[in-house]
Amino acid sequence: MLTLLHLLSSIALLVWGTHIVRTGIMRVYGSHLRRLLGHSMANAPMAFTAGIGVTALVQSSNATALLAISFVAQSLMTLPTALAVMLGADVGTALMARVLTLDLSWLSPLFTLVGVCLFLSRKQTRAGQLGRVLIGLGLIILALQLIVAAAEPITEARGMQVLFSSLAGDTLLAVVVGALFAVISYSSLAAVLLIATLASAGLIGLPVALGVVIGANVGSGVLAWLNATPQPVPARRVALGNLLYKLAGLLVLPFLPMLVEWMSGLGYSPQTQVIAFHLVYNSLRCLLLLPTVRPMADLCERLLPERAQDNGVAQPRHLDPAALDTPTLALANATRETLRIGDLVEIMLARLLEALREDRPEPGDDIRRLDDDVDALYSGVKLYLARMPRDDLAEQESLRWAEIIELAINLEQAGDIIEHMLGKVQNLKTSKRRSFSDRGVAELSQLHALLCANLSLGLSVFLSGDSASARQLLQQKRQFRKKERELAHAHVHRLHQQVVESIETSAAHLELIADMKRLNSLFCSAAYAALEGQQAQRGRQPVDPPQKPQVAPAPLPGKPART
């Protein structure tokens, strides 16, 4: 039992090592790899070569699949090009399996020692992430040695011999086992390395090993399909074509016994034979299938036709899951989506002014629909940021993460406030059959114009982080507060003059002014984040607080007050 536990723990160490290498490479060179794939769209051979190179670096065809799927989902890459990339990814995996099964035992302690020193001393830097990659490589090499050592006593166990001999007579069962292990370990590379190591230890025979290798290839296609399931139809077509190409490799199964008999007479070690088969099998299969990427793309488009689905709610456009391993790219994606929320809030403000000036129902309908869109995009940004590994973010990236989530929260609450303001306006006009005075509408329009200007400048400050613009925004915030007090006093003066319309709409008028004041505070909050970020870079404590303490207004029902 203890020997089996040692074997399982060694397998887990192998899987963990491949995961560390993949995530480390993506965090350091993720943007460069995406750029490499993006520039390899001229023809299928170039895309095929790019797929080999990217997969050889990240040591995972699944990571390459996520990149290609995300490109197609954003209409940045055509389906035939993405399929060529996926074929190249299979060859890249086979090449890395060959490299990692060389006698590199002397590199394991060196990689681990250097990697740990770099990672612990400079964790949040590029050198620290490269140290993480070296640690992963050291663990992979160590795990392969441990698997060999743990497998030796298992090969002598009678029960294990009976178990693995049952696979020898059923090639299809061996394929299923290989596919399951690739899915569970999230790495076909780890599955192939394991099988080659077990074959060299004599735990499994060559027929079983080759069947499991073919199954591991199929398992990586199943894994890519599972990852693409929540994606749009164009992205799922990439995963479907990749899976069909993997299944096409099953055509070699009837010839496997003859191939095993021929390979057995070559005199090479079982490990060398397994790795060589994996490399030749993937290379020949992918080169033969490369000219068929366009017919395969047409087949996938017929099997997965585009269906127009419009549930009336906006969907995130820029939140690419494949970029989560590259914090800089992920934060840029979240920034773009948050700016999109800001654009929707700006449209809501424009519709609110129409509802204030006119009696048509259309502006109100637009505001309610847009608020649903704001809520949907806010939820997408929030969940996307929650999936980012914050412990591995650099200090500047952590600050940006906080700025994005704070602005997204503020914009979502701004959407709720605008919808609440719409309810007050419509209740006054429809239920009570009253309307604002011309002077009252003009005053609210003045505040509305200042509010739109502050929102626009606030989004600009959020995007650029410019300290001069941030100070200008704070100055405009103070001007808004001054104007708001002036207009509130002017309204009270009209009440003193017994203006009937002002008396009938007084409560709603003052409440709308208060709501605009709250919106202004939410829009101007980006200035404080920008100034604090600049001061944090210079190593100083944040200054330039508001000139006067502000009293938080009463919150909306069920909503916390924010200033």
Protein backbone atom coordinates (compact mmCIF):
# COMPACT_ATOMS: atom_id res chain seq x y z
CA MET A 1 0.00 0.00 0.00
CA LEU A 2 2.83 2.38 0.87
CA THR A 3 4.55 1.63 -2.45
CA LEU A 4 1.36 2.44 -4.36
CA LEU A 5 1.04 5.68 -2.41
CA HIS A 6 4.59 6.60 -3.41
CA LEU A 7 3.74 5.97 -7.05
CA LEU A 8 0.57 8.07 -6.89
CA SER A 9 2.36 10.91 -5.14
CA SER A 10 5.09 10.84 -7.81
CA ILE A 11 2.42 11.04 -10.52
CA ALA A 12 0.85 13.99 -8.69
CA LEU A 13 4.26 15.67 -8.53
CA LEU A 14 4.64 15.20 -12.29
CA VAL A 15 1.23 16.78 -12.95
CA TRP A 16 2.00 19.65 -10.58
CA GLY A 17 5.36 20.29 -12.24
CA THR A 18 3.77 20.60 -15.70
CA HIS A 19 1.16 22.97 -14.23
CA ILE A 20 3.82 25.20 -12.66
CA VAL A 21 5.80 25.40 -15.89
CA ARG A 22 2.70 26.23 -17.94
CA THR A 23 1.42 28.97 -15.64
CA GLY A 24 4.90 30.42 -15.13
CA ILE A 25 5.57 30.71 -18.85
CA MET A 26 2.13 32.23 -19.45
CA ARG A 27 2.66 34.88 -16.77
CA VAL A 28 6.05 35.92 -18.12
CA TYR A 29 5.63 35.49 -21.86
CA GLY A 30 1.85 35.19 -22.24
CA SER A 31 1.50 38.47 -24.12
CA HIS A 32 4.41 37.58 -26.44
CA LEU A 33 2.95 34.15 -27.17
CA ARG A 34 -0.43 35.66 -27.97
CA ARG A 35 1.30 38.12 -30.28
CA LEU A 36 3.16 35.27 -31.96
CA LEU A 37 -0.08 33.43 -32.63
CA GLY A 38 -1.77 36.63 -33.74
CA HIS A 39 0.95 37.30 -36.32
CA SER A 40 0.85 33.75 -37.70
CA MET A 41 -2.41 34.03 -39.59
CA ALA A 42 -1.05 34.42 -43.13
CA ASN A 43 -1.19 30.73 -44.02
CA ALA A 44 -1.68 27.30 -42.51
CA PRO A 45 2.03 26.24 -42.46
CA MET A 46 2.97 29.38 -40.56
CA ALA A 47 0.16 28.84 -38.06
CA PHE A 48 1.23 25.18 -37.75
CA THR A 49 4.79 26.27 -36.91
CA ALA A 50 3.55 28.85 -34.41
CA GLY A 51 1.49 26.16 -32.67
CA ILE A 52 4.61 23.98 -32.33
CA GLY A 53 6.65 26.84 -30.86
CA VAL A 54 4.04 28.05 -28.39
CA THR A 55 3.26 24.55 -27.13
CA ALA A 56 6.95 23.72 -26.75
CA LEU A 57 7.31 26.74 -24.47
CA VAL A 58 4.20 26.32 -22.33
CA GLN A 59 4.41 22.49 -22.42
CA SER A 60 0.67 22.18 -22.79
CA SER A 61 -1.45 21.81 -25.90
CA ASN A 62 -4.45 22.72 -23.75
CA ALA A 63 -2.98 26.16 -23.03
CA THR A 64 -2.42 26.68 -26.77
CA ALA A 65 -6.00 25.53 -27.39
CA LEU A 66 -7.31 28.16 -24.95
CA LEU A 67 -5.36 30.87 -26.78
CA ALA A 68 -6.61 29.80 -30.21
CA ILE A 69 -10.19 29.45 -28.96
CA SER A 70 -10.12 32.94 -27.43
CA PHE A 71 -8.78 34.44 -30.67
CA VAL A 72 -11.57 32.87 -32.71
CA ALA A 73 -14.18 33.92 -30.14
CA GLN A 74 -13.03 37.54 -30.54
CA SER A 75 -12.92 37.26 -34.37
CA LEU A 76 -9.14 37.79 -34.33
CA MET A 77 -8.35 34.49 -36.07
CA THR A 78 -10.13 32.43 -38.70
CA LEU A 79 -11.24 28.87 -38.00
CA PRO A 80 -8.85 27.18 -40.51
CA THR A 81 -5.90 29.05 -39.01
CA ALA A 82 -6.89 28.01 -35.49
CA LEU A 83 -7.17 24.37 -36.57
CA ALA A 84 -3.66 24.57 -38.07
CA VAL A 85 -2.41 25.97 -34.76
CA MET A 86 -3.98 23.04 -32.91
CA LEU A 87 -2.29 20.52 -35.21
CA GLY A 88 1.03 22.20 -34.51
CA ALA A 89 0.30 22.05 -30.78
CA ASP A 90 0.15 18.25 -30.94
CA VAL A 91 3.60 18.11 -32.53
CA GLY A 92 4.93 20.57 -29.93
CA THR A 93 3.71 18.30 -27.13
CA ALA A 94 5.47 15.31 -28.70
CA LEU A 95 8.73 17.23 -29.04
CA MET A 96 8.68 18.28 -25.39
CA ALA A 97 7.97 14.70 -24.32
CA ARG A 98 11.11 13.64 -26.16
CA VAL A 99 13.21 16.36 -24.52
CA LEU A 100 11.97 15.63 -20.99
CA THR A 101 12.71 11.88 -21.24
CA LEU A 102 16.39 12.46 -21.93
CA ASP A 103 18.80 11.75 -19.07
CA LEU A 104 18.50 15.09 -17.34
CA SER A 105 18.69 13.88 -13.74
CA TRP A 106 21.64 16.19 -13.01
CA LEU A 107 19.50 19.19 -13.95
CA SER A 108 16.78 18.53 -11.38
CA PRO A 109 18.67 19.75 -8.26
CA LEU A 110 20.21 22.63 -10.23
CA PHE A 111 16.86 23.84 -11.59
CA THR A 112 15.18 23.46 -8.20
CA LEU A 113 17.93 25.31 -6.28
CA VAL A 114 18.18 28.23 -8.72
CA GLY A 115 14.43 28.40 -9.16
CA VAL A 116 13.67 28.54 -5.42
CA CYS A 117 16.30 31.25 -4.88
CA LEU A 118 14.89 33.38 -7.68
CA PHE A 119 11.27 32.84 -6.73
CA LEU A 120 11.65 33.59 -3.01
CA SER A 121 13.94 36.58 -3.45
CA ARG A 122 12.12 38.24 -6.37
CA LYS A 123 8.67 36.71 -6.29
CA GLN A 124 6.73 39.57 -7.89
CA THR A 125 9.18 40.16 -10.74
CA ARG A 126 9.80 38.49 -14.09
CA ALA A 127 12.92 36.82 -12.69
CA GLY A 128 10.79 35.36 -9.90
CA GLN A 129 8.35 33.88 -12.40
CA LEU A 130 11.23 32.41 -14.38
CA GLY A 131 12.36 30.85 -11.11
CA ARG A 132 8.87 29.34 -10.86
CA VAL A 133 9.38 27.78 -14.31
CA LEU A 134 12.74 26.30 -13.24
CA ILE A 135 11.12 24.83 -10.14
CA GLY A 136 8.49 23.17 -12.34
CA LEU A 137 11.13 21.70 -14.67
CA GLY A 138 13.08 20.40 -11.69
CA LEU A 139 9.93 18.78 -10.28
CA ILE A 140 9.13 17.12 -13.61
CA ILE A 141 12.58 15.54 -13.88
CA LEU A 142 12.49 14.50 -10.21
CA ALA A 143 9.00 13.04 -10.56
CA LEU A 144 10.06 10.88 -13.50
CA GLN A 145 12.89 9.44 -11.41
CA LEU A 146 10.55 8.81 -8.46
CA ILE A 147 8.02 7.05 -10.71
CA VAL A 148 10.72 4.63 -11.90
CA ALA A 149 11.82 3.94 -8.34
CA ALA A 150 8.24 3.42 -7.08
CA ALA A 151 7.27 1.22 -10.03
CA GLU A 152 10.01 -1.37 -9.49
CA PRO A 153 8.45 -3.15 -6.46
CA ILE A 154 4.99 -2.83 -8.01
CA THR A 155 6.08 -4.79 -11.08
CA GLU A 156 6.80 -7.75 -8.81
CA ALA A 157 3.34 -7.68 -7.20
CA ARG A 158 1.09 -10.46 -8.50
CA GLY A 159 -2.08 -8.35 -8.29
CA MET A 160 -0.65 -5.50 -10.34
CA GLN A 161 0.59 -7.92 -12.99
CA VAL A 162 -2.93 -9.33 -13.33
CA LEU A 163 -4.41 -5.82 -13.49
CA PHE A 164 -2.14 -4.55 -16.26
CA SER A 165 -2.30 -7.84 -18.15
CA SER A 166 -6.06 -7.30 -18.46
CA LEU A 167 -5.30 -4.16 -20.48
CA ALA A 168 -2.98 -6.02 -22.82
CA GLY A 169 -5.81 -7.83 -24.54
CA ASP A 170 -8.05 -4.81 -25.00
CA THR A 171 -6.49 -1.94 -26.93
CA LEU A 172 -9.70 0.10 -26.86
CA LEU A 173 -9.75 -0.09 -23.06
CA ALA A 174 -6.16 1.19 -22.99
CA VAL A 175 -7.22 4.12 -25.17
CA VAL A 176 -10.05 4.96 -22.75
CA VAL A 177 -7.67 4.79 -19.78
CA GLY A 178 -5.23 7.15 -21.51
CA ALA A 179 -8.01 9.60 -22.35
CA LEU A 180 -9.31 9.61 -18.78
CA PHE A 181 -5.87 10.22 -17.33
CA ALA A 182 -5.23 13.13 -19.72
CA VAL A 183 -8.52 14.74 -18.70
CA ILE A 184 -7.96 14.19 -14.98
CA SER A 185 -4.36 15.43 -15.03
CA TYR A 186 -5.24 18.31 -17.40
CA SER A 187 -2.17 17.43 -19.44
CA SER A 188 -1.59 14.93 -22.23
CA LEU A 189 2.14 15.58 -21.82
CA ALA A 190 2.04 14.33 -18.23
CA ALA A 191 0.12 11.24 -19.37
CA VAL A 192 2.67 10.40 -22.08
CA LEU A 193 5.64 10.93 -19.75
CA LEU A 194 4.02 8.69 -17.17
CA ILE A 195 3.30 5.90 -19.65
CA ALA A 196 6.83 6.03 -21.05
CA THR A 197 8.27 5.84 -17.54
CA LEU A 198 6.02 2.93 -16.52
CA ALA A 199 6.93 1.10 -19.73
CA SER A 200 10.64 1.52 -19.01
CA ALA A 201 10.06 0.09 -15.54
CA GLY A 202 8.36 -2.96 -17.04
CA LEU A 203 5.03 -2.25 -15.39
CA ILE A 204 3.12 -2.18 -18.69
CA GLY A 205 3.84 -3.73 -22.06
CA LEU A 206 4.38 -1.92 -25.34
CA PRO A 207 0.89 -2.63 -26.81
CA VAL A 208 -0.79 -1.12 -23.73
CA ALA A 209 1.61 1.82 -23.70
CA LEU A 210 0.91 2.73 -27.32
CA GLY A 211 -2.84 2.44 -26.79
CA VAL A 212 -2.68 4.71 -23.75
CA VAL A 213 -0.60 7.25 -25.71
CA ILE A 214 -3.25 7.37 -28.44
CA GLY A 215 -5.92 7.72 -25.78
CA ALA A 216 -4.02 10.59 -24.13
CA ASN A 217 -4.16 12.44 -27.45
CA VAL A 218 -7.91 11.94 -27.61
CA GLY A 219 -8.23 13.03 -23.97
CA SER A 220 -6.55 16.35 -24.70
CA GLY A 221 -9.14 16.94 -27.43
CA VAL A 222 -11.95 16.13 -25.01
CA LEU A 223 -10.43 18.51 -22.47
CA ALA A 224 -10.28 21.35 -25.02
CA TRP A 225 -13.93 20.71 -25.89
CA LEU A 226 -14.96 20.84 -22.23
CA ASN A 227 -13.08 24.14 -21.81
CA ALA A 228 -14.80 25.60 -24.88
CA THR A 229 -18.33 24.58 -23.87
CA PRO A 230 -19.23 27.96 -22.29
CA GLN A 231 -17.69 29.84 -25.23
CA PRO A 232 -19.58 31.21 -28.27
CA VAL A 233 -20.25 28.97 -31.25
CA PRO A 234 -17.14 30.08 -33.24
CA ALA A 235 -14.91 29.09 -30.33
CA ARG A 236 -16.60 25.72 -29.93
CA ARG A 237 -15.94 25.01 -33.60
CA VAL A 238 -12.19 25.14 -32.91
CA ALA A 239 -12.52 22.59 -30.12
CA LEU A 240 -14.79 20.40 -32.26
CA GLY A 241 -12.36 20.38 -35.20
CA ASN A 242 -9.47 19.63 -32.85
CA LEU A 243 -11.41 16.72 -31.31
CA LEU A 244 -12.32 15.31 -34.74
CA TYR A 245 -8.64 15.44 -35.74
CA LYS A 246 -7.73 13.53 -32.57
CA LEU A 247 -10.41 10.92 -33.25
CA ALA A 248 -9.07 10.51 -36.78
CA GLY A 249 -5.90 9.19 -35.18
CA LEU A 250 -7.86 6.14 -33.98
CA LEU A 251 -7.66 4.81 -37.53
CA VAL A 252 -4.20 3.49 -36.65
CA LEU A 253 -5.62 1.06 -34.04
CA PRO A 254 -6.21 -1.87 -36.47
CA PHE A 255 -2.56 -1.68 -37.49
CA LEU A 256 -1.25 -1.46 -33.92
CA PRO A 257 -0.41 -5.20 -33.46
CA MET A 258 1.72 -5.24 -36.62
CA LEU A 259 3.37 -1.99 -35.55
CA VAL A 260 4.16 -3.39 -32.09
CA GLU A 261 5.67 -6.53 -33.62
CA TRP A 262 7.86 -4.45 -35.91
CA MET A 263 8.97 -2.09 -33.13
CA SER A 264 9.82 -4.97 -30.79
CA GLY A 265 12.44 -6.16 -33.22
CA LEU A 266 14.27 -2.84 -33.32
CA GLY A 267 16.02 -3.45 -30.01
CA TYR A 268 15.34 -0.06 -28.42
CA SER A 269 14.26 0.40 -24.81
CA PRO A 270 10.48 0.53 -24.11
CA GLN A 271 10.67 4.18 -23.04
CA THR A 272 12.44 5.19 -26.26
CA GLN A 273 9.91 3.25 -28.33
CA VAL A 274 6.92 4.90 -26.61
CA ILE A 275 8.31 8.42 -26.98
CA ALA A 276 9.39 7.80 -30.59
CA PHE A 277 5.95 6.43 -31.44
CA HIS A 278 4.30 9.48 -29.87
CA LEU A 279 6.50 11.85 -31.88
CA VAL A 280 6.18 10.04 -35.22
CA TYR A 281 2.45 9.35 -34.74
CA ASN A 282 1.62 13.00 -34.01
CA SER A 283 3.96 14.39 -36.68
CA LEU A 284 2.65 12.16 -39.49
CA ARG A 285 -0.98 12.55 -38.44
CA CYS A 286 -0.78 16.34 -38.25
CA LEU A 287 1.20 16.77 -41.48
CA LEU A 288 -1.27 14.57 -43.36
CA LEU A 289 -4.25 16.45 -41.93
CA LEU A 290 -2.81 19.96 -42.35
CA PRO A 291 -4.11 20.38 -45.95
CA THR A 292 -7.63 19.55 -44.72
CA VAL A 293 -8.07 22.50 -42.35
CA ARG A 294 -10.45 24.34 -44.70
CA PRO A 295 -12.73 21.32 -45.35
CA MET A 296 -12.68 20.60 -41.61
CA ALA A 297 -13.65 24.22 -40.91
CA ASP A 298 -16.60 23.88 -43.31
CA LEU A 299 -17.65 20.64 -41.61
CA CYS A 300 -17.51 22.24 -38.15
CA GLU A 301 -19.58 25.20 -39.38
CA ARG A 302 -22.24 22.78 -40.64
CA LEU A 303 -22.21 20.75 -37.43
CA LEU A 304 -22.32 23.88 -35.24
CA PRO A 305 -24.32 26.51 -37.15
CA GLU A 306 -24.53 30.02 -35.79
CA ARG A 307 -27.86 30.64 -34.10
CA ALA A 308 -28.95 34.15 -33.30
CA GLN A 309 -29.64 34.35 -29.59
CA ASP A 310 -30.72 37.63 -28.16
CA ASN A 311 -32.00 37.58 -24.60
CA GLY A 312 -31.89 41.36 -24.41
CA VAL A 313 -28.94 41.42 -22.01
CA ALA A 314 -25.44 42.46 -23.03
CA GLN A 315 -22.65 39.91 -22.74
CA PRO A 316 -18.97 40.63 -21.91
CA ARG A 317 -16.81 41.04 -24.99
CA HIS A 318 -13.29 41.41 -23.64
CA LEU A 319 -13.08 39.00 -20.67
CA ASP A 320 -10.83 36.38 -22.26
CA PRO A 321 -10.39 33.38 -19.89
CA ALA A 322 -7.17 32.40 -21.68
CA ALA A 323 -5.55 35.65 -20.49
CA LEU A 324 -6.02 34.89 -16.77
CA ASP A 325 -2.56 33.32 -16.59
CA THR A 326 -1.11 36.61 -17.87
CA PRO A 327 -2.08 39.26 -15.28
CA THR A 328 -1.18 42.24 -17.46
CA LEU A 329 -3.45 41.06 -20.26
CA ALA A 330 -6.24 40.04 -17.89
CA LEU A 331 -6.24 43.45 -16.20
CA ALA A 332 -6.27 45.16 -19.61
CA ASN A 333 -9.28 43.06 -20.61
CA ALA A 334 -11.10 43.91 -17.39
CA THR A 335 -10.29 47.60 -17.94
CA ARG A 336 -11.82 47.54 -21.42
CA GLU A 337 -14.98 45.85 -20.12
CA THR A 338 -15.27 48.34 -17.25
CA LEU A 339 -14.98 51.23 -19.71
CA ARG A 340 -17.80 49.61 -21.64
CA ILE A 341 -19.90 49.74 -18.47
CA GLY A 342 -19.05 53.43 -18.22
CA ASP A 343 -20.28 53.98 -21.79
CA LEU A 344 -23.60 52.33 -20.91
CA VAL A 345 -23.98 54.55 -17.83
CA GLU A 346 -23.30 57.58 -20.01
CA ILE A 347 -26.11 56.51 -22.36
CA MET A 348 -28.40 56.05 -19.34
CA LEU A 349 -27.69 59.62 -18.28
CA ALA A 350 -28.61 60.87 -21.76
CA ARG A 351 -31.88 58.93 -21.66
CA LEU A 352 -32.60 60.32 -18.19
CA LEU A 353 -32.42 63.86 -19.54
CA GLU A 354 -34.87 62.89 -22.29
CA ALA A 355 -37.24 61.44 -19.71
CA LEU A 356 -36.95 64.67 -17.70
CA ARG A 357 -37.75 66.90 -20.67
CA GLU A 358 -40.27 64.74 -22.54
CA ASP A 359 -43.26 62.57 -21.74
CA ARG A 360 -42.41 59.65 -24.05
CA PRO A 361 -42.07 56.14 -22.50
CA GLU A 362 -39.15 55.11 -24.74
CA PRO A 363 -36.35 56.72 -22.66
CA GLY A 364 -37.58 54.92 -19.56
CA ASP A 365 -37.62 51.57 -21.36
CA ASP A 366 -34.08 52.18 -22.60
CA ILE A 367 -32.85 53.01 -19.08
CA ARG A 368 -34.26 49.80 -17.64
CA ARG A 369 -32.75 47.71 -20.41
CA LEU A 370 -29.39 49.45 -20.08
CA ASP A 371 -29.38 48.90 -16.31
CA ASP A 372 -29.79 45.17 -16.92
CA ASP A 373 -26.83 45.36 -19.29
CA VAL A 374 -24.76 47.21 -16.68
CA ASP A 375 -25.60 44.58 -14.06
CA ALA A 376 -24.63 41.75 -16.44
CA LEU A 377 -21.29 43.32 -17.41
CA TYR A 378 -20.52 44.20 -13.79
CA SER A 379 -21.13 40.61 -12.77
CA GLY A 380 -18.84 39.43 -15.57
CA VAL A 381 -16.02 41.78 -14.54
CA LYS A 382 -16.39 40.86 -10.89
CA LEU A 383 -16.25 37.12 -11.51
CA TYR A 384 -13.38 37.54 -13.98
CA LEU A 385 -11.28 39.46 -11.46
CA ALA A 386 -12.16 36.94 -8.77
CA ARG A 387 -10.56 34.19 -10.90
CA MET A 388 -7.23 36.00 -11.04
CA PRO A 389 -4.53 34.63 -8.66
CA ARG A 390 -3.98 37.78 -6.58
CA ASP A 391 -1.17 36.27 -4.52
CA ASP A 392 1.07 36.24 -7.59
CA LEU A 393 0.30 39.80 -8.70
CA ALA A 394 2.96 42.46 -8.54
CA GLU A 395 2.29 45.49 -6.35
CA GLN A 396 1.29 47.71 -9.28
CA GLU A 397 -0.98 44.97 -10.64
CA SER A 398 -2.68 44.60 -7.26
CA LEU A 399 -3.38 48.34 -7.20
CA ARG A 400 -4.83 48.19 -10.68
CA TRP A 401 -6.96 45.20 -9.70
CA ALA A 402 -8.43 47.22 -6.84
CA GLU A 403 -9.05 50.27 -9.06
CA ILE A 404 -10.95 48.19 -11.59
CA ILE A 405 -13.22 46.46 -9.09
CA GLU A 406 -13.92 49.74 -7.25
CA LEU A 407 -14.89 51.59 -10.42
CA ALA A 408 -17.02 48.66 -11.59
CA ILE A 409 -18.88 48.70 -8.26
CA ASN A 410 -19.38 52.46 -8.48
CA LEU A 411 -20.68 52.29 -12.05
CA GLU A 412 -23.07 49.47 -11.18
CA GLN A 413 -24.44 51.49 -8.28
CA ALA A 414 -24.66 54.56 -10.54
CA GLY A 415 -26.86 52.55 -12.90
CA ASP A 416 -29.17 51.67 -10.02
CA ILE A 417 -29.35 55.32 -8.92
CA ILE A 418 -30.23 56.47 -12.44
CA GLU A 419 -32.99 53.87 -12.68
CA HIS A 420 -34.24 55.02 -9.27
CA MET A 421 -34.24 58.64 -10.47
CA LEU A 422 -36.24 57.58 -13.52
CA GLY A 423 -38.86 56.10 -11.20
CA LYS A 424 -39.20 59.42 -9.39
CA VAL A 425 -39.61 61.35 -12.65
CA GLN A 426 -42.17 58.94 -14.09
CA ASN A 427 -44.11 58.73 -10.86
CA LEU A 428 -44.37 62.52 -10.80
CA LYS A 429 -45.45 62.80 -14.43
CA THR A 430 -47.78 59.81 -14.74
CA SER A 431 -49.19 59.09 -11.29
CA LYS A 432 -49.43 62.64 -9.95
CA ARG A 433 -49.90 64.33 -13.35
CA ARG A 434 -47.40 67.04 -12.50
CA SER A 435 -44.38 68.47 -14.33
CA PHE A 436 -41.31 70.47 -13.44
CA SER A 437 -41.21 74.18 -14.08
CA ASP A 438 -39.19 75.39 -17.06
CA ARG A 439 -36.67 76.92 -14.70
CA GLY A 440 -36.47 73.69 -12.70
CA VAL A 441 -35.82 71.61 -15.83
CA ALA A 442 -33.13 74.08 -16.90
CA GLU A 443 -31.40 73.82 -13.50
CA LEU A 444 -31.48 70.03 -13.52
CA SER A 445 -30.11 70.10 -17.08
CA GLN A 446 -27.18 72.24 -15.92
CA LEU A 447 -26.29 69.73 -13.22
CA HIS A 448 -26.78 66.91 -15.72
CA ALA A 449 -24.26 68.48 -18.12
CA LEU A 450 -21.68 68.82 -15.34
CA LEU A 451 -22.36 65.23 -14.32
CA CYS A 452 -21.77 63.89 -17.84
CA ALA A 453 -18.52 65.88 -18.10
CA ASN A 454 -17.28 64.45 -14.78
CA LEU A 455 -18.17 60.92 -15.85
CA SER A 456 -16.23 61.32 -19.09
CA LEU A 457 -13.20 62.77 -17.31
CA GLY A 458 -13.42 60.11 -14.58
CA LEU A 459 -13.26 57.31 -17.16
CA SER A 460 -10.28 59.04 -18.79
CA VAL A 461 -8.48 59.29 -15.45
CA PHE A 462 -9.22 55.62 -14.75
CA LEU A 463 -7.72 54.62 -18.10
CA SER A 464 -4.63 56.85 -18.07
CA GLY A 465 -3.94 57.33 -14.34
CA ASP A 466 -2.79 60.90 -15.14
CA SER A 467 -2.35 62.89 -11.91
CA ALA A 468 -3.03 66.27 -13.60
CA SER A 469 -6.36 65.01 -14.94
CA ALA A 470 -7.13 63.54 -11.53
CA ARG A 471 -6.63 66.92 -9.85
CA GLN A 472 -8.75 68.56 -12.52
CA LEU A 473 -11.50 66.03 -11.78
CA LEU A 474 -11.37 66.87 -8.07
CA GLN A 475 -11.62 70.56 -8.94
CA GLN A 476 -14.67 69.86 -11.11
CA LYS A 477 -16.15 67.86 -8.24
CA ARG A 478 -15.90 70.89 -5.98
CA GLN A 479 -17.41 73.09 -8.71
CA PHE A 480 -20.29 70.66 -9.02
CA ARG A 481 -20.93 70.79 -5.27
CA LYS A 482 -20.91 74.58 -5.40
CA LYS A 483 -23.34 74.61 -8.32
CA GLU A 484 -25.57 72.08 -6.62
CA ARG A 485 -25.91 74.29 -3.52
CA GLU A 486 -26.64 77.32 -5.68
CA LEU A 487 -29.43 75.53 -7.55
CA ALA A 488 -30.91 74.15 -4.33
CA HIS A 489 -31.06 77.68 -2.93
CA ALA A 490 -32.61 78.94 -6.19
CA HIS A 491 -35.33 76.33 -5.90
CA VAL A 492 -36.12 77.37 -2.34
CA HIS A 493 -36.30 80.99 -3.56
CA ARG A 494 -38.94 79.98 -6.13
CA LEU A 495 -40.91 78.34 -3.36
CA HIS A 496 -40.79 81.66 -1.52
CA GLN A 497 -42.22 83.31 -4.65
CA GLN A 498 -45.11 80.82 -4.61
CA VAL A 499 -44.38 79.29 -8.02
CA VAL A 500 -47.05 76.57 -8.23
CA GLU A 501 -45.09 74.08 -10.36
CA SER A 502 -42.08 74.37 -8.08
CA ILE A 503 -44.21 73.77 -5.01
CA GLU A 504 -45.82 70.65 -6.55
CA THR A 505 -42.48 69.14 -7.61
CA SER A 506 -40.32 70.39 -4.73
CA ALA A 507 -39.68 67.03 -3.09
CA ALA A 508 -38.81 65.29 -6.34
CA HIS A 509 -36.63 68.23 -7.49
CA LEU A 510 -34.51 68.23 -4.33
CA GLU A 511 -34.25 64.43 -4.34
CA LEU A 512 -32.98 64.46 -7.92
CA ILE A 513 -30.35 67.04 -6.97
CA ALA A 514 -29.25 64.82 -4.07
CA ASP A 515 -29.10 61.80 -6.38
CA MET A 516 -26.95 63.72 -8.85
CA LYS A 517 -24.64 64.65 -5.98
CA ARG A 518 -24.25 60.97 -5.17
CA LEU A 519 -23.60 60.14 -8.81
CA ASN A 520 -20.95 62.86 -8.95
CA SER A 521 -19.15 61.36 -5.96
CA LEU A 522 -19.16 57.93 -7.61
CA PHE A 523 -17.83 59.29 -10.91
CA CYS A 524 -15.06 61.31 -9.26
CA SER A 525 -13.77 58.45 -7.08
CA ALA A 526 -11.33 57.47 -9.84
CA ALA A 527 -9.33 60.63 -9.08
CA TYR A 528 -8.42 59.48 -5.56
CA ALA A 529 -7.35 56.04 -6.83
CA ALA A 530 -5.14 57.62 -9.50
CA LEU A 531 -3.48 60.01 -7.05
CA GLU A 532 -2.92 57.28 -4.48
CA GLY A 533 -1.39 55.06 -7.17
CA GLN A 534 1.01 57.83 -8.21
CA GLN A 535 1.99 58.51 -4.60
CA ALA A 536 2.44 54.80 -3.87
CA GLN A 537 4.94 54.59 -6.72
CA ARG A 538 6.90 57.47 -5.18
CA GLY A 539 6.77 55.90 -1.74
CA ARG A 540 4.70 58.65 -0.11
CA GLN A 541 1.51 58.54 1.87
CA PRO A 542 -1.61 59.64 0.00
CA VAL A 543 -2.51 63.31 0.31
CA ASP A 544 -4.92 65.73 -1.31
CA PRO A 545 -8.07 64.59 0.50
CA PRO A 546 -11.36 66.46 0.01
CA GLN A 547 -11.20 70.01 1.39
CA LYS A 548 -14.19 69.47 3.62
CA PRO A 549 -15.54 66.33 5.23
CA GLN A 550 -18.55 65.04 3.35
CA VAL A 551 -21.66 63.67 4.97
CA ALA A 552 -22.86 60.54 3.25
CA PRO A 553 -26.39 60.92 1.87
CA ALA A 554 -29.11 58.46 2.76
CA PRO A 555 -28.73 55.20 0.81
CA LEU A 556 -31.25 53.80 -1.61
CA PRO A 557 -33.49 51.04 -0.23
CA GLY A 558 -31.37 47.93 -0.11
CA LYS A 559 -28.25 49.71 -1.45
CA PRO A 560 -25.22 50.83 0.60
CA ALA A 561 -24.25 54.48 0.32
CA ARG A 562 -20.96 55.22 -1.42
CA THR A 563 -19.17 58.54 -1.81
